[in-house]
All heavy atoms as atom14 arrays in JSON, in Angstrom:
{
  "sequence": "TANPVIMLDEIDKLAVSFQGDPAAALLEVLDPEQNVDFLDHYLDV",
  "atom14_mask": [
    [1, 1, 1, 1, 1, 1, 1, 0, 0, 0, 0, 0, 0, 0],
    [1, 1, 1, 1, 1, 0, 0, 0, 0, 0, 0, 0, 0, 0],
    [1, 1, 1, 1, 1, 1, 1, 1, 0, 0, 0, 0, 0, 0],
    [1, 1, 1, 1, 1, 1, 1, 0, 0, 0, 0, 0, 0, 0],
    [1, 1, 1, 1, 1, 1, 1, 0, 0, 0, 0, 0, 0, 0],
    [1, 1, 1, 1, 1, 1, 1, 1, 0, 0, 0, 0, 0, 0],
    [1, 1, 1, 1, 1, 1, 1, 1, 0, 0, 0, 0, 0, 0],
    [1, 1, 1, 1, 1, 1, 1, 1, 0, 0, 0, 0, 0, 0],
    [1, 1, 1, 1, 1, 1, 1, 1, 0, 0, 0, 0, 0, 0],
    [1, 1, 1, 1, 1, 1, 1, 1, 1, 0, 0, 0, 0, 0],
    [1, 1, 1, 1, 1, 1, 1, 1, 0, 0, 0, 0, 0, 0],
    [1, 1, 1, 1, 1, 1, 1, 1, 0, 0, 0, 0, 0, 0],
    [1, 1, 1, 1, 1, 1, 1, 1, 1, 0, 0, 0, 0, 0],
    [1, 1, 1, 1, 1, 1, 1, 1, 0, 0, 0, 0, 0, 0],
    [1, 1, 1, 1, 1, 0, 0, 0, 0, 0, 0, 0, 0, 0],
    [1, 1, 1, 1, 1, 1, 1, 0, 0, 0, 0, 0, 0, 0],
    [1, 1, 1, 1, 1, 1, 0, 0, 0, 0, 0, 0, 0, 0],
    [1, 1, 1, 1, 1, 1, 1, 1, 1, 1, 1, 0, 0, 0],
    [1, 1, 1, 1, 1, 1, 1, 1, 1, 0, 0, 0, 0, 0],
    [1, 1, 1, 1, 0, 0, 0, 0, 0, 0, 0, 0, 0, 0],
    [1, 1, 1, 1, 1, 1, 1, 1, 0, 0, 0, 0, 0, 0],
    [1, 1, 1, 1, 1, 1, 1, 0, 0, 0, 0, 0, 0, 0],
    [1, 1, 1, 1, 1, 0, 0, 0, 0, 0, 0, 0, 0, 0],
    [1, 1, 1, 1, 1, 0, 0, 0, 0, 0, 0, 0, 0, 0],
    [1, 1, 1, 1, 1, 0, 0, 0, 0, 0, 0, 0, 0, 0],
    [1, 1, 1, 1, 1, 1, 1, 1, 0, 0, 0, 0, 0, 0],
    [1, 1, 1, 1, 1, 1, 1, 1, 0, 0, 0, 0, 0, 0],
    [1, 1, 1, 1, 1, 1, 1, 1, 1, 0, 0, 0, 0, 0],
    [1, 1, 1, 1, 1, 1, 1, 0, 0, 0, 0, 0, 0, 0],
    [1, 1, 1, 1, 1, 1, 1, 1, 0, 0, 0, 0, 0, 0],
    [1, 1, 1, 1, 1, 1, 1, 1, 0, 0, 0, 0, 0, 0],
    [1, 1, 1, 1, 1, 1, 1, 0, 0, 0, 0, 0, 0, 0],
    [1, 1, 1, 1, 1, 1, 1, 1, 1, 0, 0, 0, 0, 0],
    [1, 1, 1, 1, 1, 1, 1, 1, 1, 0, 0, 0, 0, 0],
    [1, 1, 1, 1, 1, 1, 1, 1, 0, 0, 0, 0, 0, 0],
    [1, 1, 1, 1, 1, 1, 1, 0, 0, 0, 0, 0, 0, 0],
    [1, 1, 1, 1, 1, 1, 1, 1, 0, 0, 0, 0, 0, 0],
    [1, 1, 1, 1, 1, 1, 1, 1, 1, 1, 1, 0, 0, 0],
    [1, 1, 1, 1, 1, 1, 1, 1, 0, 0, 0, 0, 0, 0],
    [1, 1, 1, 1, 1, 1, 1, 1, 0, 0, 0, 0, 0, 0],
    [1, 1, 1, 1, 1, 1, 1, 1, 1, 1, 0, 0, 0, 0],
    [1, 1, 1, 1, 1, 1, 1, 1, 1, 1, 1, 1, 0, 0],
    [1, 1, 1, 1, 1, 1, 1, 1, 0, 0, 0, 0, 0, 0],
    [1, 1, 1, 1, 1, 1, 1, 1, 0, 0, 0, 0, 0, 0],
    [1, 1, 1, 1, 1, 1, 1, 0, 0, 0, 0, 0, 0, 0]
  ],
  "atom14_positions": [
    [[139.53, 61.9, 160.02], [139.65, 60.85, 161.04], [139.42, 61.48, 162.42], [139.64, 62.67, 162.61], [141.05, 60.18, 161.04], [142.04, 61.19, 161.32], [141.34, 59.5, 159.73], [0.0, 0.0, 0.0], [0.0, 0.0, 0.0], [0.0, 0.0, 0.0], [0.0, 0.0, 0.0], [0.0, 0.0, 0.0], [0.0, 0.0, 0.0], [0.0, 0.0, 0.0]],
    [[139.01, 60.64, 163.38], [138.7, 61.15, 164.72], [139.91, 61.1, 165.65], [139.79, 61.42, 166.83], [137.55, 60.36, 165.32], [0.0, 0.0, 0.0], [0.0, 0.0, 0.0], [0.0, 0.0, 0.0], [0.0, 0.0, 0.0], [0.0, 0.0, 0.0], [0.0, 0.0, 0.0], [0.0, 0.0, 0.0], [0.0, 0.0, 0.0], [0.0, 0.0, 0.0]],
    [[141.08, 60.67, 165.13], [142.27, 60.62, 166.0], [143.51, 61.27, 165.35], [144.57, 60.67, 165.27], [142.59, 59.17, 166.37], [142.96, 58.32, 165.17], [142.62, 58.65, 164.04], [143.67, 57.24, 165.41], [0.0, 0.0, 0.0], [0.0, 0.0, 0.0], [0.0, 0.0, 0.0], [0.0, 0.0, 0.0], [0.0, 0.0, 0.0], [0.0, 0.0, 0.0]],
    [[143.37, 62.51, 164.86], [144.55, 63.15, 164.25], [145.49, 63.72, 165.31], [145.22, 63.65, 166.51], [143.92, 64.29, 163.43], [142.71, 64.66, 164.21], [142.2, 63.4, 164.85], [0.0, 0.0, 0.0], [0.0, 0.0, 0.0], [0.0, 0.0, 0.0], [0.0, 0.0, 0.0], [0.0, 0.0, 0.0], [0.0, 0.0, 0.0], [0.0, 0.0, 0.0]],
    [[146.6, 64.29, 164.85], [147.45, 65.12, 165.7], [147.1, 66.56, 165.34], [147.26, 66.97, 164.19], [148.96, 64.85, 165.43], [149.82, 65.84, 166.21], [149.32, 63.42, 165.8], [0.0, 0.0, 0.0], [0.0, 0.0, 0.0], [0.0, 0.0, 0.0], [0.0, 0.0, 0.0], [0.0, 0.0, 0.0], [0.0, 0.0, 0.0], [0.0, 0.0, 0.0]],
    [[146.58, 67.32, 166.3], [146.2, 68.71, 166.05], [147.18, 69.62, 166.78], [147.36, 69.5, 168.0], [144.76, 69.0, 166.49], [143.79, 68.23, 165.6], [144.45, 70.49, 166.43], [142.33, 68.45, 165.9], [0.0, 0.0, 0.0], [0.0, 0.0, 0.0], [0.0, 0.0, 0.0], [0.0, 0.0, 0.0], [0.0, 0.0, 0.0], [0.0, 0.0, 0.0]],
    [[147.82, 70.5, 166.01], [148.8, 71.42, 166.6], [148.17, 72.79, 166.78], [147.68, 73.4, 165.83], [150.04, 71.51, 165.71], [151.04, 72.51, 166.2], [152.69, 72.2, 165.57], [153.35, 71.11, 166.8], [0.0, 0.0, 0.0], [0.0, 0.0, 0.0], [0.0, 0.0, 0.0], [0.0, 0.0, 0.0], [0.0, 0.0, 0.0], [0.0, 0.0, 0.0]],
    [[148.17, 73.26, 168.03], [147.66, 74.6, 168.36], [148.87, 75.52, 168.51], [149.49, 75.58, 169.58], [146.85, 74.55, 169.65], [145.76, 73.46, 169.73], [145.2, 73.37, 171.13], [144.65, 73.75, 168.74], [0.0, 0.0, 0.0], [0.0, 0.0, 0.0], [0.0, 0.0, 0.0], [0.0, 0.0, 0.0], [0.0, 0.0, 0.0], [0.0, 0.0, 0.0]],
    [[149.21, 76.19, 167.43], [150.42, 77.03, 167.43], [150.18, 78.33, 168.19], [149.09, 78.88, 168.14], [150.8, 77.36, 165.98], [152.19, 76.82, 165.63], [152.91, 76.46, 166.57], [152.54, 76.77, 164.44], [0.0, 0.0, 0.0], [0.0, 0.0, 0.0], [0.0, 0.0, 0.0], [0.0, 0.0, 0.0], [0.0, 0.0, 0.0], [0.0, 0.0, 0.0]],
    [[151.22, 78.84, 168.82], [151.21, 80.16, 169.49], [150.09, 80.27, 170.53], [149.32, 81.22, 170.54], [151.07, 81.3, 168.46], [151.91, 81.18, 167.21], [153.41, 81.32, 167.48], [153.78, 81.52, 168.65], [154.2, 81.22, 166.53], [0.0, 0.0, 0.0], [0.0, 0.0, 0.0], [0.0, 0.0, 0.0], [0.0, 0.0, 0.0], [0.0, 0.0, 0.0]],
    [[150.02, 79.29, 171.42], [148.96, 79.31, 172.44], [149.19, 80.43, 173.46], [148.28, 80.81, 174.2], [148.83, 77.93, 173.12], [147.46, 77.79, 173.8], [149.97, 77.69, 174.11], [147.1, 76.39, 174.2], [0.0, 0.0, 0.0], [0.0, 0.0, 0.0], [0.0, 0.0, 0.0], [0.0, 0.0, 0.0], [0.0, 0.0, 0.0], [0.0, 0.0, 0.0]],
    [[150.42, 80.96, 173.5], [150.73, 82.04, 174.45], [150.31, 83.41, 173.9], [150.48, 84.42, 174.59], [152.21, 82.04, 174.8], [153.1, 82.17, 173.56], [152.68, 81.69, 172.49], [154.21, 82.74, 173.65], [0.0, 0.0, 0.0], [0.0, 0.0, 0.0], [0.0, 0.0, 0.0], [0.0, 0.0, 0.0], [0.0, 0.0, 0.0], [0.0, 0.0, 0.0]],
    [[149.8, 83.45, 172.66], [149.46, 84.74, 172.05], [147.96, 84.91, 171.83], [147.53, 85.65, 170.96], [150.22, 84.9, 170.72], [151.73, 84.96, 170.93], [152.5, 84.97, 169.65], [153.99, 84.91, 169.9], [154.43, 83.64, 170.49], [0.0, 0.0, 0.0], [0.0, 0.0, 0.0], [0.0, 0.0, 0.0], [0.0, 0.0, 0.0], [0.0, 0.0, 0.0]],
    [[147.16, 84.2, 172.62], [145.7, 84.38, 172.55], [145.32, 85.76, 173.08], [145.94, 86.25, 174.02], [145.0, 83.32, 173.41], [144.89, 81.91, 172.8], [144.52, 80.92, 173.88], [143.86, 81.87, 171.69], [0.0, 0.0, 0.0], [0.0, 0.0, 0.0], [0.0, 0.0, 0.0], [0.0, 0.0, 0.0], [0.0, 0.0, 0.0], [0.0, 0.0, 0.0]],
    [[144.31, 86.36, 172.48], [143.87, 87.69, 172.91], [142.53, 87.59, 173.63], [141.82, 86.6, 173.51], [143.75, 88.61, 171.7], [0.0, 0.0, 0.0], [0.0, 0.0, 0.0], [0.0, 0.0, 0.0], [0.0, 0.0, 0.0], [0.0, 0.0, 0.0], [0.0, 0.0, 0.0], [0.0, 0.0, 0.0], [0.0, 0.0, 0.0], [0.0, 0.0, 0.0]],
    [[142.18, 88.63, 174.38], [140.88, 88.7, 175.06], [140.17, 89.94, 174.56], [140.78, 91.0, 174.43], [141.06, 88.76, 176.59], [139.71, 88.85, 177.28], [141.82, 87.54, 177.1], [0.0, 0.0, 0.0], [0.0, 0.0, 0.0], [0.0, 0.0, 0.0], [0.0, 0.0, 0.0], [0.0, 0.0, 0.0], [0.0, 0.0, 0.0], [0.0, 0.0, 0.0]],
    [[138.87, 89.84, 174.24], [138.12, 91.01, 173.78], [136.69, 90.91, 174.3], [136.33, 89.98, 175.02], [138.12, 91.07, 172.25], [137.2, 90.12, 171.73], [0.0, 0.0, 0.0], [0.0, 0.0, 0.0], [0.0, 0.0, 0.0], [0.0, 0.0, 0.0], [0.0, 0.0, 0.0], [0.0, 0.0, 0.0], [0.0, 0.0, 0.0], [0.0, 0.0, 0.0]],
    [[135.85, 91.88, 173.89], [134.44, 91.86, 174.3], [133.71, 90.64, 173.74], [132.63, 90.28, 174.18], [133.75, 93.16, 173.86], [133.62, 93.29, 172.37], [132.49, 92.85, 171.71], [134.66, 93.82, 171.61], [132.37, 92.95, 170.34], [134.55, 93.92, 170.24], [133.41, 93.48, 169.59], [0.0, 0.0, 0.0], [0.0, 0.0, 0.0], [0.0, 0.0, 0.0]],
    [[134.3, 89.99, 172.71], [133.64, 88.82, 172.1], [133.87, 87.54, 172.9], [133.36, 86.5, 172.55], [134.17, 88.63, 170.67], [133.67, 89.7, 169.72], [134.5, 89.77, 168.45], [135.72, 89.83, 168.49], [133.84, 89.79, 167.32], [0.0, 0.0, 0.0], [0.0, 0.0, 0.0], [0.0, 0.0, 0.0], [0.0, 0.0, 0.0], [0.0, 0.0, 0.0]],
    [[134.69, 87.63, 173.94], [134.91, 86.44, 174.77], [136.38, 86.13, 174.93], [137.24, 86.81, 174.39], [0.0, 0.0, 0.0], [0.0, 0.0, 0.0], [0.0, 0.0, 0.0], [0.0, 0.0, 0.0], [0.0, 0.0, 0.0], [0.0, 0.0, 0.0], [0.0, 0.0, 0.0], [0.0, 0.0, 0.0], [0.0, 0.0, 0.0], [0.0, 0.0, 0.0]],
    [[136.64, 85.1, 175.69], [138.01, 84.69, 176.0], [138.26, 83.31, 175.41], [137.78, 82.3, 175.95], [138.19, 84.69, 177.53], [139.59, 84.31, 177.93], [140.43, 84.12, 177.03], [139.86, 84.22, 179.14], [0.0, 0.0, 0.0], [0.0, 0.0, 0.0], [0.0, 0.0, 0.0], [0.0, 0.0, 0.0], [0.0, 0.0, 0.0], [0.0, 0.0, 0.0]],
    [[139.0, 83.2, 174.29], [139.23, 81.89, 173.68], [140.02, 80.95, 174.58], [139.88, 79.73, 174.5], [140.01, 82.19, 172.4], [140.27, 83.63, 172.37], [139.59, 84.29, 173.51], [0.0, 0.0, 0.0], [0.0, 0.0, 0.0], [0.0, 0.0, 0.0], [0.0, 0.0, 0.0], [0.0, 0.0, 0.0], [0.0, 0.0, 0.0], [0.0, 0.0, 0.0]],
    [[140.88, 81.52, 175.47], [141.66, 80.67, 176.38], [140.72, 79.9, 177.3], [140.95, 78.72, 177.61], [142.62, 81.52, 177.2], [0.0, 0.0, 0.0], [0.0, 0.0, 0.0], [0.0, 0.0, 0.0], [0.0, 0.0, 0.0], [0.0, 0.0, 0.0], [0.0, 0.0, 0.0], [0.0, 0.0, 0.0], [0.0, 0.0, 0.0], [0.0, 0.0, 0.0]],
    [[139.64, 80.56, 177.73], [138.65, 79.88, 178.59], [137.9, 78.8, 177.8], [137.56, 77.74, 178.33], [137.67, 80.91, 179.15], [0.0, 0.0, 0.0], [0.0, 0.0, 0.0], [0.0, 0.0, 0.0], [0.0, 0.0, 0.0], [0.0, 0.0, 0.0], [0.0, 0.0, 0.0], [0.0, 0.0, 0.0], [0.0, 0.0, 0.0], [0.0, 0.0, 0.0]],
    [[137.64, 79.08, 176.51], [136.94, 78.09, 175.66], [137.82, 76.86, 175.44], [137.31, 75.75, 175.25], [136.57, 78.72, 174.33], [0.0, 0.0, 0.0], [0.0, 0.0, 0.0], [0.0, 0.0, 0.0], [0.0, 0.0, 0.0], [0.0, 0.0, 0.0], [0.0, 0.0, 0.0], [0.0, 0.0, 0.0], [0.0, 0.0, 0.0], [0.0, 0.0, 0.0]],
    [[139.15, 77.05, 175.46], [140.07, 75.92, 175.24], [140.14, 74.99, 176.45], [140.65, 73.88, 176.35], [141.48, 76.44, 174.95], [141.78, 76.84, 173.5], [143.13, 77.52, 173.41], [141.75, 75.62, 172.57], [0.0, 0.0, 0.0], [0.0, 0.0, 0.0], [0.0, 0.0, 0.0], [0.0, 0.0, 0.0], [0.0, 0.0, 0.0], [0.0, 0.0, 0.0]],
    [[139.66, 75.45, 177.61], [139.75, 74.62, 178.82], [139.04, 73.29, 178.64], [139.51, 72.25, 179.09], [139.17, 75.36, 180.03], [139.94, 76.61, 180.5], [139.2, 77.3, 181.62], [141.34, 76.24, 180.93], [0.0, 0.0, 0.0], [0.0, 0.0, 0.0], [0.0, 0.0, 0.0], [0.0, 0.0, 0.0], [0.0, 0.0, 0.0], [0.0, 0.0, 0.0]],
    [[137.87, 73.32, 177.96], [137.13, 72.07, 177.73], [137.84, 71.19, 176.71], [137.91, 69.98, 176.85], [135.71, 72.39, 177.25], [134.87, 71.14, 177.06], [133.5, 71.42, 176.44], [133.2, 72.58, 176.15], [132.76, 70.45, 176.23], [0.0, 0.0, 0.0], [0.0, 0.0, 0.0], [0.0, 0.0, 0.0], [0.0, 0.0, 0.0], [0.0, 0.0, 0.0]],
    [[138.39, 71.85, 175.67], [139.05, 71.1, 174.59], [140.29, 70.36, 175.11], [140.52, 69.19, 174.78], [139.46, 72.06, 173.44], [140.24, 71.33, 172.36], [138.23, 72.72, 172.85], [0.0, 0.0, 0.0], [0.0, 0.0, 0.0], [0.0, 0.0, 0.0], [0.0, 0.0, 0.0], [0.0, 0.0, 0.0], [0.0, 0.0, 0.0], [0.0, 0.0, 0.0]],
    [[141.07, 71.04, 175.95], [142.35, 70.49, 176.4], [142.26, 69.83, 177.78], [143.17, 69.95, 178.59], [143.41, 71.6, 176.42], [143.68, 72.28, 175.08], [144.76, 73.33, 175.22], [144.07, 71.28, 174.01], [0.0, 0.0, 0.0], [0.0, 0.0, 0.0], [0.0, 0.0, 0.0], [0.0, 0.0, 0.0], [0.0, 0.0, 0.0], [0.0, 0.0, 0.0]],
    [[141.17, 69.17, 178.03], [141.03, 68.44, 179.29], [140.55, 67.02, 178.99], [139.41, 66.83, 178.56], [140.03, 69.16, 180.21], [140.02, 68.55, 181.61], [140.45, 67.39, 181.75], [139.6, 69.24, 182.56], [0.0, 0.0, 0.0], [0.0, 0.0, 0.0], [0.0, 0.0, 0.0], [0.0, 0.0, 0.0], [0.0, 0.0, 0.0], [0.0, 0.0, 0.0]],
    [[141.4, 66.0, 179.18], [141.01, 64.62, 178.83], [139.74, 64.15, 179.54], [139.06, 63.26, 179.06], [142.23, 63.79, 179.27], [143.35, 64.76, 179.32], [142.76, 66.08, 179.71], [0.0, 0.0, 0.0], [0.0, 0.0, 0.0], [0.0, 0.0, 0.0], [0.0, 0.0, 0.0], [0.0, 0.0, 0.0], [0.0, 0.0, 0.0], [0.0, 0.0, 0.0]],
    [[139.43, 64.76, 180.7], [138.22, 64.36, 181.43], [136.96, 64.97, 180.8], [135.89, 64.4, 180.89], [138.32, 64.82, 182.9], [139.46, 64.18, 183.68], [139.35, 62.66, 183.74], [138.23, 62.16, 183.92], [140.38, 61.99, 183.58], [0.0, 0.0, 0.0], [0.0, 0.0, 0.0], [0.0, 0.0, 0.0], [0.0, 0.0, 0.0], [0.0, 0.0, 0.0]],
    [[137.11, 66.15, 180.17], [135.93, 66.85, 179.63], [135.74, 66.66, 178.13], [134.61, 66.66, 177.65], [136.06, 68.36, 179.9], [135.98, 68.73, 181.37], [136.1, 70.24, 181.56], [135.55, 71.01, 180.8], [136.82, 70.65, 182.59], [0.0, 0.0, 0.0], [0.0, 0.0, 0.0], [0.0, 0.0, 0.0], [0.0, 0.0, 0.0], [0.0, 0.0, 0.0]],
    [[136.85, 66.53, 177.38], [136.7, 66.56, 175.92], [136.12, 65.27, 175.32], [135.96, 65.17, 174.12], [138.0, 66.96, 175.22], [139.12, 65.95, 175.38], [138.9, 64.82, 175.82], [140.33, 66.36, 175.03], [0.0, 0.0, 0.0], [0.0, 0.0, 0.0], [0.0, 0.0, 0.0], [0.0, 0.0, 0.0], [0.0, 0.0, 0.0], [0.0, 0.0, 0.0]],
    [[135.79, 64.3, 176.18], [135.07, 63.11, 175.69], [133.7, 63.54, 175.16], [133.17, 62.97, 174.22], [134.91, 62.07, 176.83], [134.14, 60.85, 176.36], [136.27, 61.66, 177.37], [0.0, 0.0, 0.0], [0.0, 0.0, 0.0], [0.0, 0.0, 0.0], [0.0, 0.0, 0.0], [0.0, 0.0, 0.0], [0.0, 0.0, 0.0], [0.0, 0.0, 0.0]],
    [[133.12, 64.55, 175.81], [131.79, 65.05, 175.42], [131.88, 66.5, 174.99], [131.13, 67.35, 175.48], [130.81, 64.93, 176.6], [130.53, 63.48, 176.96], [130.46, 62.66, 176.03], [130.41, 63.17, 178.15], [0.0, 0.0, 0.0], [0.0, 0.0, 0.0], [0.0, 0.0, 0.0], [0.0, 0.0, 0.0], [0.0, 0.0, 0.0], [0.0, 0.0, 0.0]],
    [[132.78, 66.82, 174.06], [132.93, 68.21, 173.62], [131.68, 68.65, 172.87], [131.19, 67.96, 171.98], [134.15, 68.34, 172.7], [134.3, 69.69, 172.07], [134.64, 70.8, 172.84], [134.09, 69.88, 170.71], [134.76, 72.05, 172.26], [134.23, 71.13, 170.12], [134.56, 72.21, 170.92], [0.0, 0.0, 0.0], [0.0, 0.0, 0.0], [0.0, 0.0, 0.0]],
    [[131.14, 69.81, 173.28], [129.9, 70.3, 172.67], [130.18, 71.58, 171.9], [130.51, 72.61, 172.48], [128.85, 70.57, 173.76], [127.44, 70.89, 173.26], [126.82, 69.69, 172.56], [126.56, 71.33, 174.41], [0.0, 0.0, 0.0], [0.0, 0.0, 0.0], [0.0, 0.0, 0.0], [0.0, 0.0, 0.0], [0.0, 0.0, 0.0], [0.0, 0.0, 0.0]],
    [[130.09, 71.49, 170.57], [130.25, 72.66, 169.71], [128.89, 73.35, 169.59], [127.87, 72.69, 169.41], [130.76, 72.21, 168.33], [131.05, 73.37, 167.41], [130.1, 73.86, 166.75], [132.21, 73.79, 167.34], [0.0, 0.0, 0.0], [0.0, 0.0, 0.0], [0.0, 0.0, 0.0], [0.0, 0.0, 0.0], [0.0, 0.0, 0.0], [0.0, 0.0, 0.0]],
    [[128.87, 74.69, 169.68], [127.61, 75.43, 169.65], [126.84, 75.21, 168.35], [125.61, 75.17, 168.34], [127.86, 76.93, 169.83], [128.3, 77.28, 171.22], [129.08, 78.38, 171.49], [128.1, 76.66, 172.4], [129.31, 78.43, 172.8], [128.74, 77.39, 173.36], [0.0, 0.0, 0.0], [0.0, 0.0, 0.0], [0.0, 0.0, 0.0], [0.0, 0.0, 0.0]],
    [[127.55, 75.08, 167.24], [126.89, 74.9, 165.94], [126.3, 73.5, 165.82], [125.13, 73.33, 165.47], [127.86, 75.17, 164.8], [127.25, 75.01, 163.42], [126.56, 76.05, 162.82], [127.35, 73.81, 162.72], [125.97, 75.91, 161.58], [126.78, 73.66, 161.47], [126.09, 74.7, 160.9], [125.52, 74.55, 159.66], [0.0, 0.0, 0.0], [0.0, 0.0, 0.0]],
    [[127.12, 72.49, 166.11], [126.64, 71.11, 165.98], [125.55, 70.8, 166.99], [124.58, 70.12, 166.69], [127.8, 70.12, 166.19], [128.86, 70.0, 165.1], [129.8, 68.86, 165.43], [128.26, 69.79, 163.73], [0.0, 0.0, 0.0], [0.0, 0.0, 0.0], [0.0, 0.0, 0.0], [0.0, 0.0, 0.0], [0.0, 0.0, 0.0], [0.0, 0.0, 0.0]],
    [[125.77, 71.28, 168.23], [124.83, 71.01, 169.32], [124.69, 69.5, 169.57], [123.65, 69.04, 170.04], [123.47, 71.66, 169.03], [122.78, 72.08, 170.32], [123.49, 72.22, 171.33], [121.54, 72.24, 170.32], [0.0, 0.0, 0.0], [0.0, 0.0, 0.0], [0.0, 0.0, 0.0], [0.0, 0.0, 0.0], [0.0, 0.0, 0.0], [0.0, 0.0, 0.0]],
    [[125.71, 68.76, 169.19], [125.77, 67.31, 169.43], [127.16, 67.02, 169.98], [128.15, 67.57, 169.49], [125.54, 66.52, 168.11], [125.73, 65.03, 168.34], [124.17, 66.79, 167.54], [0.0, 0.0, 0.0], [0.0, 0.0, 0.0], [0.0, 0.0, 0.0], [0.0, 0.0, 0.0], [0.0, 0.0, 0.0], [0.0, 0.0, 0.0], [0.0, 0.0, 0.0]]
  ]
}
């Protein structure tokens, strides 16, 4: 379904490495103004 409850556990324990910063990637997901048009790199839709 497109309206579930998604729990992001342990958000204070995100790590940063040479592969990127997941906390920065979450900025789009957790913003009601931006996540209307969330763009996943794989889907590209």
